[in-house]
Amino acid sequence: MPKLKRELNVFYLVMIGIANIIGAGIFVVSGVAAGIAGPSVVISFFIASLAALFTGLSLAELSSAITQTGESYTYSRKAFGNSIGFVVGLIKMMNNVLSVTAVTMGFSIFLISFFFPSLNSFIYLFTVSSLVILLSTYLNIVDISKMSKVATFLTLVKIFAISFFITLGLFYVKDNFDPQKLQPVFPNGLSGTFHAASMVFFAYIGFQVIAMATEEAKNPKRDIPAAILFSIFICYVLYSLVALVQVLVVDWQTLGKVENSVLYVTQKITDNYFVSLFMIFSILSAMLSVIITTIYSGSRLFFAFSRDGFIPKSLCEVDKKYKTPVKSILLLSFMSILCLFINDINLLISIVSFGYLLTFLLTNLSLIKLKKKIKPKFELPFHPWIPILGAISTILLIISLDNVAKIVGLAFVLLSFLIYFLFVKRKLDKNVFRSTHSQHF
């Protein structure tokens, strides 16, 4: 049975997690969310962090007992059978592909608009995006330790940039505090606050990448849960402070109209060109780190899906030289490049948003279902309340999404079921589905 190389410690796992969590979301979505929730956007981040924390804790317990690459796909399959497992896996696979596409498009649009504004046609967007994906693919193939070191460097740049932004903002607010910017707290009511929470939740979703590394962690039963919890906590603190600084410096109505709220607020605080330039490169670093780590997590899901017989077995082969699933990495990257032709970030985000919340819902339900069958090293207190709260919070956030996201998401779920029952179930023997890995906890 193909095996991956174990060489990631808790520090690198946390860095990979933070690298995947802190991306385009905090630099772009926070402003849009402020335009919906007003000053209560800080509460929106808190609500989203609770939902992420509940799901992260459920994920931590599951990953400490089931140390197989595949995360929510693996857990859903064990808990609810092949059909649900297949649907979750397919949704997760497309989420990763479309996430790489969307973030890469965001990276390219941002890069071109700031440095090469005259090159605004699709051909330039496609070329830059393809090159970024190919670079990220190379880093994932060559060596997992090199990829993690690059992700670590980019993560440290992001953390420093965000910390710098927070410090700069707090010093500005100290001398320019205007209480009117905090009124009214709930301009669009609680529904606006929850709608914003459903948006900013996606600034937290990267913690799941840690659970995908169970077969490459040195001590997965100890390190995976710890890395998930540390990642969520660190990002919650940073996000909350960033949101607070933004609403204290600029009124929430303006924040909702600008393309990049963090950069806009930075330029409001200081007109220093080099400070703005540093923030621009930090934002690009944030996006690049997400692209790299999403290719990493997505390729491991392709690896697990292949090993369990749902897609060709060749995709779970581990390269003898690099000890990485090269074919899975290449397939994901190729699909991401093809999806660039969609050229509609809003459509991509609509599909991905619904998909992540649905898979997180099933992660919580899987823990409730599997609790008596697994022997986790890390056990949650007050069972089953934490996974129940995780399930309820994700349902509330799904309800709070806009109608387009829900329609597109449900359509993809139905399509996944059709693919399973019309093609997969008939063509694959039951013994193929019941691999050795799926029978041991």
Protein backbone atom coordinates (compact mmCIF):
# COMPACT_ATOMS: atom_id res chain seq x y z
CA MET A 1 0.00 0.00 0.00
CA PRO A 2 1.50 3.40 -0.97
CA LYS A 3 2.74 5.44 1.98
CA LEU A 4 3.67 9.10 2.35
CA LYS A 5 6.80 10.34 4.12
CA ARG A 6 6.36 11.41 7.78
CA GLU A 7 8.42 14.55 8.43
CA LEU A 8 6.07 17.35 9.58
CA ASN A 9 6.20 18.44 13.22
CA VAL A 10 3.65 20.56 15.08
CA PHE A 11 5.33 23.86 14.15
CA TYR A 12 5.25 23.15 10.42
CA LEU A 13 1.66 21.88 10.69
CA VAL A 14 0.58 25.12 12.38
CA MET A 15 2.42 27.15 9.76
CA ILE A 16 0.77 25.18 6.93
CA GLY A 17 -2.60 25.68 8.63
CA ILE A 18 -2.17 29.43 9.13
CA ALA A 19 -0.80 29.74 5.60
CA ASN A 20 -4.01 28.22 4.28
CA ILE A 21 -6.32 30.13 6.65
CA ILE A 22 -4.91 33.64 6.21
CA GLY A 23 -5.36 34.36 2.55
CA ALA A 24 -7.43 36.56 0.32
CA GLY A 25 -10.33 36.53 2.78
CA ILE A 26 -8.98 38.80 5.50
CA PHE A 27 -7.66 41.29 2.94
CA VAL A 28 -10.81 41.51 0.81
CA VAL A 29 -13.86 39.91 2.44
CA SER A 30 -13.48 41.79 5.73
CA GLY A 31 -14.37 45.06 4.03
CA VAL A 32 -17.36 43.60 2.19
CA ALA A 33 -18.55 42.04 5.46
CA ALA A 34 -18.21 45.39 7.23
CA GLY A 35 -20.46 46.91 4.60
CA ILE A 36 -23.14 44.35 5.52
CA ALA A 37 -22.75 44.08 9.30
CA GLY A 38 -21.44 47.55 10.10
CA PRO A 39 -19.42 47.81 13.34
CA SER A 40 -20.87 44.44 14.39
CA VAL A 41 -18.51 42.83 11.85
CA VAL A 42 -16.27 42.21 14.87
CA ILE A 43 -19.10 40.07 16.29
CA SER A 44 -19.42 38.36 12.89
CA PHE A 45 -15.79 37.28 13.14
CA PHE A 46 -16.48 35.97 16.65
CA ILE A 47 -19.51 33.96 15.47
CA ALA A 48 -17.52 32.55 12.57
CA SER A 49 -14.62 31.66 14.86
CA LEU A 50 -16.96 29.73 17.16
CA ALA A 51 -18.31 27.72 14.23
CA ALA A 52 -14.74 27.05 13.09
CA LEU A 53 -13.69 26.13 16.63
CA PHE A 54 -16.53 23.63 17.14
CA THR A 55 -15.82 22.01 13.80
CA GLY A 56 -12.08 22.15 14.42
CA LEU A 57 -12.49 20.34 17.74
CA SER A 58 -14.60 17.65 16.07
CA LEU A 59 -11.98 17.37 13.36
CA ALA A 60 -9.25 17.14 16.00
CA GLU A 61 -10.88 14.17 17.73
CA LEU A 62 -11.60 12.38 14.47
CA SER A 63 -8.09 12.95 13.12
CA SER A 64 -6.51 11.68 16.35
CA ALA A 65 -8.33 8.36 15.87
CA ILE A 66 -8.42 8.01 12.08
CA THR A 67 -4.98 8.86 10.76
CA GLN A 68 -5.67 8.42 7.06
CA THR A 69 -5.36 11.17 4.49
CA GLY A 70 -8.77 12.34 3.27
CA GLU A 71 -10.26 14.30 6.21
CA SER A 72 -14.05 14.88 5.99
CA TYR A 73 -14.33 12.55 2.98
CA THR A 74 -12.79 9.72 4.99
CA TYR A 75 -14.89 10.43 8.09
CA SER A 76 -18.17 10.75 6.16
CA ARG A 77 -17.52 7.50 4.32
CA LYS A 78 -16.85 5.61 7.53
CA ALA A 79 -19.92 7.11 9.21
CA PHE A 80 -22.53 7.12 6.44
CA GLY A 81 -21.31 4.76 3.72
CA ASN A 82 -19.95 4.92 0.20
CA SER A 83 -22.59 7.16 -1.39
CA ILE A 84 -22.24 10.00 1.14
CA GLY A 85 -18.48 9.51 1.20
CA PHE A 86 -18.32 9.77 -2.58
CA VAL A 87 -20.46 12.92 -2.68
CA VAL A 88 -18.42 14.59 0.07
CA GLY A 89 -15.19 13.56 -1.63
CA LEU A 90 -16.31 14.91 -4.99
CA ILE A 91 -17.44 18.18 -3.44
CA LYS A 92 -14.13 18.47 -1.59
CA MET A 93 -12.15 17.73 -4.75
CA MET A 94 -14.00 20.41 -6.71
CA ASN A 95 -13.71 22.80 -3.77
CA ASN A 96 -9.94 22.47 -3.87
CA VAL A 97 -9.77 22.82 -7.65
CA LEU A 98 -12.05 25.86 -7.72
CA SER A 99 -10.37 27.40 -4.66
CA VAL A 100 -7.00 27.26 -6.41
CA THR A 101 -8.61 28.80 -9.50
CA ALA A 102 -10.40 31.58 -7.60
CA VAL A 103 -7.46 32.59 -5.41
CA THR A 104 -5.08 32.48 -8.38
CA MET A 105 -7.43 34.72 -10.36
CA GLY A 106 -7.57 37.09 -7.38
CA PHE A 107 -3.77 37.08 -7.19
CA SER A 108 -3.43 37.85 -10.90
CA ILE A 109 -6.11 40.55 -10.93
CA PHE A 110 -4.48 42.25 -7.95
CA LEU A 111 -0.96 41.99 -9.41
CA ILE A 112 -1.95 43.22 -12.86
CA SER A 113 -4.20 46.05 -11.65
CA PHE A 114 -1.51 47.52 -9.38
CA PHE A 115 1.63 47.00 -11.44
CA PHE A 116 0.44 46.55 -15.04
CA PRO A 117 -2.97 48.29 -15.27
CA SER A 118 -2.83 48.48 -19.08
CA LEU A 119 -2.68 44.67 -19.37
CA ASN A 120 -6.30 44.04 -18.42
CA SER A 121 -7.39 41.43 -21.01
CA PHE A 122 -8.20 37.79 -20.20
CA ILE A 123 -5.11 36.48 -22.01
CA TYR A 124 -2.82 38.23 -19.51
CA LEU A 125 -4.95 37.08 -16.59
CA PHE A 126 -4.83 33.50 -17.87
CA THR A 127 -1.08 33.60 -18.51
CA VAL A 128 -0.16 34.98 -15.08
CA SER A 129 -2.59 32.64 -13.32
CA SER A 130 -1.25 29.59 -15.16
CA LEU A 131 2.35 30.48 -14.29
CA VAL A 132 1.45 30.92 -10.61
CA ILE A 133 -0.30 27.52 -10.55
CA LEU A 134 2.67 25.86 -12.28
CA LEU A 135 5.11 27.38 -9.77
CA SER A 136 2.97 26.18 -6.86
CA THR A 137 2.72 22.74 -8.48
CA TYR A 138 6.50 22.50 -8.75
CA LEU A 139 6.93 23.33 -5.05
CA ASN A 140 4.42 20.63 -4.11
CA ILE A 141 6.06 17.98 -6.27
CA VAL A 142 9.73 18.50 -5.49
CA ASP A 143 9.65 17.90 -1.73
CA ILE A 144 7.03 18.24 0.98
CA SER A 145 9.61 19.72 3.35
CA LYS A 146 10.56 22.40 0.79
CA MET A 147 6.89 23.22 0.24
CA SER A 148 6.32 23.52 3.99
CA LYS A 149 9.36 25.80 4.34
CA VAL A 150 8.12 28.09 1.57
CA ALA A 151 4.66 28.10 3.18
CA THR A 152 6.29 28.89 6.53
CA PHE A 153 8.22 31.84 5.08
CA LEU A 154 5.11 33.27 3.39
CA THR A 155 3.12 32.72 6.58
CA LEU A 156 5.65 34.64 8.68
CA VAL A 157 5.49 37.50 6.15
CA LYS A 158 1.69 37.56 6.45
CA ILE A 159 1.70 37.45 10.25
CA PHE A 160 4.25 40.26 10.39
CA ALA A 161 2.25 42.34 7.88
CA ILE A 162 -1.02 41.86 9.76
CA SER A 163 0.67 42.61 13.09
CA PHE A 164 2.21 45.73 11.55
CA PHE A 165 -1.22 46.79 10.22
CA ILE A 166 -2.83 46.26 13.64
CA THR A 167 -0.09 48.22 15.44
CA LEU A 168 -0.20 51.04 12.89
CA GLY A 169 -3.98 51.20 13.16
CA LEU A 170 -4.13 51.21 16.95
CA PHE A 171 -1.63 54.07 17.16
CA TYR A 172 -3.72 56.00 14.62
CA VAL A 173 -6.95 55.33 16.53
CA LYS A 174 -5.32 56.47 19.77
CA ASP A 175 -5.07 60.01 18.39
CA ASN A 176 -8.08 59.98 16.03
CA PHE A 177 -10.79 58.04 17.83
CA ASP A 178 -14.30 58.84 16.57
CA PRO A 179 -17.12 57.05 18.47
CA GLN A 180 -19.57 57.91 15.67
CA LYS A 181 -17.87 55.30 13.50
CA LEU A 182 -19.27 52.63 15.85
CA GLN A 183 -22.88 53.79 15.45
CA PRO A 184 -25.19 52.07 14.83
CA VAL A 185 -23.69 48.77 15.94
CA PHE A 186 -26.25 46.68 14.01
CA PRO A 187 -27.24 48.81 10.97
CA ASN A 188 -28.80 45.81 9.21
CA GLY A 189 -29.95 43.97 12.32
CA LEU A 190 -28.78 40.57 13.52
CA SER A 191 -29.51 39.10 10.08
CA GLY A 192 -26.81 41.36 8.65
CA THR A 193 -24.38 40.25 11.34
CA PHE A 194 -25.04 36.56 10.61
CA HIS A 195 -24.89 37.12 6.86
CA ALA A 196 -21.47 38.69 7.33
CA ALA A 197 -20.47 35.78 9.60
CA SER A 198 -21.33 33.32 6.80
CA MET A 199 -18.96 35.28 4.56
CA VAL A 200 -16.03 35.69 6.96
CA PHE A 201 -16.30 32.04 8.02
CA PHE A 202 -14.44 31.22 4.85
CA ALA A 203 -11.48 33.15 6.18
CA TYR A 204 -11.13 30.26 8.68
CA ILE A 205 -11.65 27.20 6.50
CA GLY A 206 -7.97 26.56 5.91
CA PHE A 207 -7.55 24.71 9.22
CA GLN A 208 -8.83 21.56 7.51
CA VAL A 209 -5.60 21.29 5.53
CA ILE A 210 -3.88 20.15 8.73
CA ALA A 211 -6.08 17.05 8.96
CA MET A 212 -5.04 16.18 5.40
CA ALA A 213 -1.46 15.80 6.66
CA THR A 214 -2.12 12.91 9.05
CA GLU A 215 0.06 10.51 7.05
CA GLU A 216 2.93 13.01 6.85
CA ALA A 217 2.92 14.17 10.48
CA LYS A 218 5.59 12.75 12.76
CA ASN A 219 3.12 12.15 15.59
CA PRO A 220 -0.38 12.59 14.10
CA LYS A 221 -2.43 11.65 17.17
CA ARG A 222 -0.72 14.36 19.21
CA ASP A 223 0.28 16.96 16.63
CA ILE A 224 -2.82 17.19 14.40
CA PRO A 225 -5.30 18.22 17.16
CA ALA A 226 -2.79 20.66 18.67
CA ALA A 227 -2.05 22.24 15.29
CA ILE A 228 -5.76 22.70 14.48
CA LEU A 229 -6.48 24.41 17.80
CA PHE A 230 -3.40 26.66 17.70
CA SER A 231 -4.13 27.70 14.10
CA ILE A 232 -7.75 28.69 14.79
CA PHE A 233 -6.85 30.60 17.95
CA ILE A 234 -4.00 32.56 16.35
CA CYS A 235 -6.12 33.50 13.34
CA TYR A 236 -9.10 34.46 15.51
CA VAL A 237 -6.96 36.95 17.47
CA LEU A 238 -5.48 38.43 14.30
CA TYR A 239 -8.81 38.63 12.45
CA SER A 240 -10.64 40.27 15.35
CA LEU A 241 -7.99 42.95 15.73
CA VAL A 242 -7.88 43.62 11.98
CA ALA A 243 -11.68 44.03 11.90
CA LEU A 244 -11.61 46.31 14.93
CA VAL A 245 -8.92 48.56 13.45
CA GLN A 246 -10.77 48.86 10.14
CA VAL A 247 -14.10 50.00 11.62
CA LEU A 248 -12.32 52.43 13.95
CA VAL A 249 -10.33 54.06 11.13
CA VAL A 250 -12.90 54.14 8.29
CA ASP A 251 -16.70 54.23 8.46
CA TRP A 252 -18.36 50.90 7.65
CA GLN A 253 -20.25 52.25 4.62
CA THR A 254 -16.98 53.12 2.89
CA LEU A 255 -15.38 49.78 3.80
CA GLY A 256 -18.18 47.99 1.99
CA LYS A 257 -17.43 49.81 -1.27
CA VAL A 258 -13.64 49.45 -1.59
CA GLU A 259 -11.96 46.53 -3.35
CA ASN A 260 -9.27 45.95 -0.74
CA SER A 261 -10.16 47.27 2.68
CA VAL A 262 -6.83 46.54 4.40
CA LEU A 263 -4.83 48.41 1.77
CA TYR A 264 -7.40 51.24 1.74
CA VAL A 265 -7.21 51.63 5.53
CA THR A 266 -3.40 51.52 5.39
CA GLN A 267 -3.39 54.39 2.89
CA LYS A 268 -5.87 56.26 5.08
CA ILE A 269 -3.50 55.94 8.05
CA THR A 270 -0.32 56.88 6.18
CA ASP A 271 0.60 58.14 2.71
CA ASN A 272 4.03 56.50 2.90
CA TYR A 273 4.59 54.76 -0.46
CA PHE A 274 6.86 52.05 0.97
CA VAL A 275 4.31 51.08 3.61
CA SER A 276 1.66 50.65 0.91
CA LEU A 277 4.12 48.70 -1.24
CA PHE A 278 4.91 46.39 1.68
CA MET A 279 1.20 45.73 2.23
CA ILE A 280 0.71 44.98 -1.47
CA PHE A 281 3.47 42.37 -1.43
CA SER A 282 2.11 40.95 1.82
CA ILE A 283 -1.34 40.51 0.27
CA LEU A 284 0.20 38.77 -2.74
CA SER A 285 2.20 36.54 -0.38
CA ALA A 286 -0.99 35.66 1.46
CA MET A 287 -2.69 34.59 -1.74
CA LEU A 288 0.34 32.65 -2.97
CA SER A 289 0.60 30.69 0.27
CA VAL A 290 -3.07 29.70 -0.01
CA ILE A 291 -2.54 28.49 -3.58
CA ILE A 292 0.46 26.37 -2.54
CA THR A 293 -1.21 24.78 0.48
CA THR A 294 -4.56 24.24 -1.28
CA ILE A 295 -2.80 22.27 -4.01
CA TYR A 296 -1.16 20.30 -1.20
CA SER A 297 -4.42 19.46 0.59
CA GLY A 298 -6.36 18.85 -2.62
CA SER A 299 -3.79 16.44 -4.03
CA ARG A 300 -3.92 14.42 -0.79
CA LEU A 301 -7.69 14.12 -1.21
CA PHE A 302 -7.20 12.90 -4.79
CA PHE A 303 -4.66 10.43 -3.32
CA ALA A 304 -7.18 9.12 -0.75
CA PHE A 305 -10.05 9.01 -3.27
CA SER A 306 -7.89 6.98 -5.64
CA ARG A 307 -6.64 4.61 -2.94
CA ASP A 308 -10.25 3.80 -2.00
CA GLY A 309 -11.13 2.95 -5.61
CA PHE A 310 -13.41 5.82 -6.59
CA ILE A 311 -11.04 7.15 -9.26
CA PRO A 312 -8.11 5.50 -11.13
CA LYS A 313 -5.57 3.78 -8.87
CA SER A 314 -2.66 5.45 -10.63
CA LEU A 315 -3.51 8.69 -8.82
CA CYS A 316 -2.47 7.19 -5.47
CA GLU A 317 1.00 6.30 -6.66
CA VAL A 318 3.81 7.96 -4.69
CA ASP A 319 6.79 9.08 -6.75
CA LYS A 320 9.91 7.10 -5.82
CA LYS A 321 12.20 10.12 -6.04
CA TYR A 322 10.14 12.87 -4.43
CA LYS A 323 7.89 10.75 -2.16
CA THR A 324 4.86 12.83 -3.18
CA PRO A 325 1.67 11.91 -5.14
CA VAL A 326 2.86 13.56 -8.36
CA LYS A 327 -0.04 12.42 -10.57
CA SER A 328 -2.64 13.72 -8.12
CA ILE A 329 -0.85 17.06 -7.88
CA LEU A 330 -0.61 17.39 -11.66
CA LEU A 331 -4.27 16.48 -12.21
CA LEU A 332 -5.51 19.02 -9.66
CA SER A 333 -3.31 21.74 -11.14
CA PHE A 334 -4.40 20.94 -14.70
CA MET A 335 -8.08 21.09 -13.69
CA SER A 336 -7.48 24.40 -11.91
CA ILE A 337 -5.92 25.89 -15.04
CA LEU A 338 -8.87 24.68 -17.15
CA CYS A 339 -11.32 26.29 -14.70
CA LEU A 340 -9.66 29.65 -15.32
CA PHE A 341 -11.83 29.80 -18.46
CA ILE A 342 -14.90 30.17 -16.21
CA ASN A 343 -13.55 33.68 -15.57
CA ASP A 344 -16.20 34.39 -12.92
CA ILE A 345 -14.89 34.62 -9.36
CA ASN A 346 -18.37 35.10 -7.90
CA LEU A 347 -19.60 31.84 -9.43
CA LEU A 348 -16.51 30.00 -8.17
CA ILE A 349 -16.96 31.36 -4.65
CA SER A 350 -20.66 30.44 -4.66
CA ILE A 351 -19.87 26.79 -5.32
CA VAL A 352 -16.94 26.62 -2.91
CA SER A 353 -18.73 28.43 -0.07
CA PHE A 354 -21.68 26.07 0.09
CA GLY A 355 -19.43 23.04 -0.34
CA TYR A 356 -17.17 23.82 2.60
CA LEU A 357 -20.05 24.43 4.99
CA LEU A 358 -21.76 21.22 3.92
CA THR A 359 -18.63 19.14 4.44
CA PHE A 360 -18.04 20.75 7.84
CA LEU A 361 -21.62 19.90 8.79
CA LEU A 362 -20.97 16.26 7.88
CA THR A 363 -17.70 16.29 9.83
CA ASN A 364 -19.61 17.13 13.01
CA LEU A 365 -22.31 14.56 12.26
CA SER A 366 -19.63 11.94 11.55
CA LEU A 367 -18.15 12.35 15.02
CA ILE A 368 -21.58 11.88 16.61
CA LYS A 369 -22.13 8.72 14.53
CA LEU A 370 -18.64 7.22 14.99
CA LYS A 371 -18.04 8.13 18.64
CA LYS A 372 -18.61 4.61 19.99
CA LYS A 373 -16.53 2.96 17.26
CA ILE A 374 -13.32 4.96 17.51
CA LYS A 375 -10.63 5.25 20.17
CA PRO A 376 -9.21 8.76 19.84
CA LYS A 377 -6.14 9.90 21.71
CA PHE A 378 -7.70 13.35 21.95
CA GLU A 379 -11.26 13.24 23.32
CA LEU A 380 -13.64 16.18 23.57
CA PRO A 381 -15.37 16.96 26.86
CA PHE A 382 -19.15 17.27 27.11
CA HIS A 383 -19.83 14.83 24.26
CA PRO A 384 -21.94 15.11 22.12
CA TRP A 385 -22.54 18.84 22.67
CA ILE A 386 -19.50 20.19 20.81
CA PRO A 387 -20.22 18.38 17.51
CA ILE A 388 -23.92 19.22 17.94
CA LEU A 389 -23.04 22.91 18.33
CA GLY A 390 -20.73 22.58 15.34
CA ALA A 391 -23.54 21.11 13.24
CA ILE A 392 -26.04 23.77 14.35
CA SER A 393 -23.61 26.63 13.70
CA THR A 394 -22.78 25.41 10.19
CA ILE A 395 -26.50 24.98 9.38
CA LEU A 396 -27.15 28.57 10.53
CA LEU A 397 -24.34 29.84 8.33
CA ILE A 398 -25.64 27.86 5.34
CA ILE A 399 -29.07 29.44 5.85
CA SER A 400 -27.40 32.87 6.03
CA LEU A 401 -25.74 32.47 2.62
CA ASP A 402 -27.23 34.27 -0.36
CA ASN A 403 -29.72 32.34 -2.50
CA VAL A 404 -27.38 31.94 -5.48
CA ALA A 405 -24.82 30.12 -3.32
CA LYS A 406 -27.47 27.77 -1.96
CA ILE A 407 -28.97 26.99 -5.38
CA VAL A 408 -25.59 26.33 -7.01
CA GLY A 409 -24.46 24.26 -4.03
CA LEU A 410 -27.57 22.07 -3.95
CA ALA A 411 -27.37 21.55 -7.70
CA PHE A 412 -23.80 20.28 -7.36
CA VAL A 413 -24.82 17.92 -4.53
CA LEU A 414 -27.60 16.44 -6.70
CA LEU A 415 -25.19 16.09 -9.62
CA SER A 416 -22.72 14.26 -7.37
CA PHE A 417 -25.40 11.78 -6.28
CA LEU A 418 -26.38 11.19 -9.91
CA ILE A 419 -22.77 10.49 -10.87
CA TYR A 420 -22.46 8.01 -8.02
CA PHE A 421 -25.65 6.04 -8.67
CA LEU A 422 -25.49 6.15 -12.49
CA PHE A 423 -21.78 5.43 -12.97
CA VAL A 424 -19.66 4.75 -9.89
CA LYS A 425 -21.92 2.32 -8.02
CA ARG A 426 -22.55 0.13 -11.06
CA LYS A 427 -18.97 -0.03 -12.31
CA LEU A 428 -17.03 -0.61 -9.11
CA ASP A 429 -17.15 -3.86 -7.19
CA LYS A 430 -18.05 -3.55 -3.51
CA ASN A 431 -14.73 -5.08 -2.55
CA VAL A 432 -12.94 -2.19 -4.25
CA PHE A 433 -14.75 0.26 -2.02
CA ARG A 434 -13.97 -1.72 1.09
CA SER A 435 -10.25 -1.15 1.15
CA THR A 436 -8.17 -2.19 4.08
CA HIS A 437 -7.90 1.41 5.21
CA SER A 438 -11.66 1.89 5.43
CA GLN A 439 -12.14 -1.06 7.74
CA HIS A 440 -9.74 -0.11 10.53
CA PHE A 441 -10.18 2.73 13.00
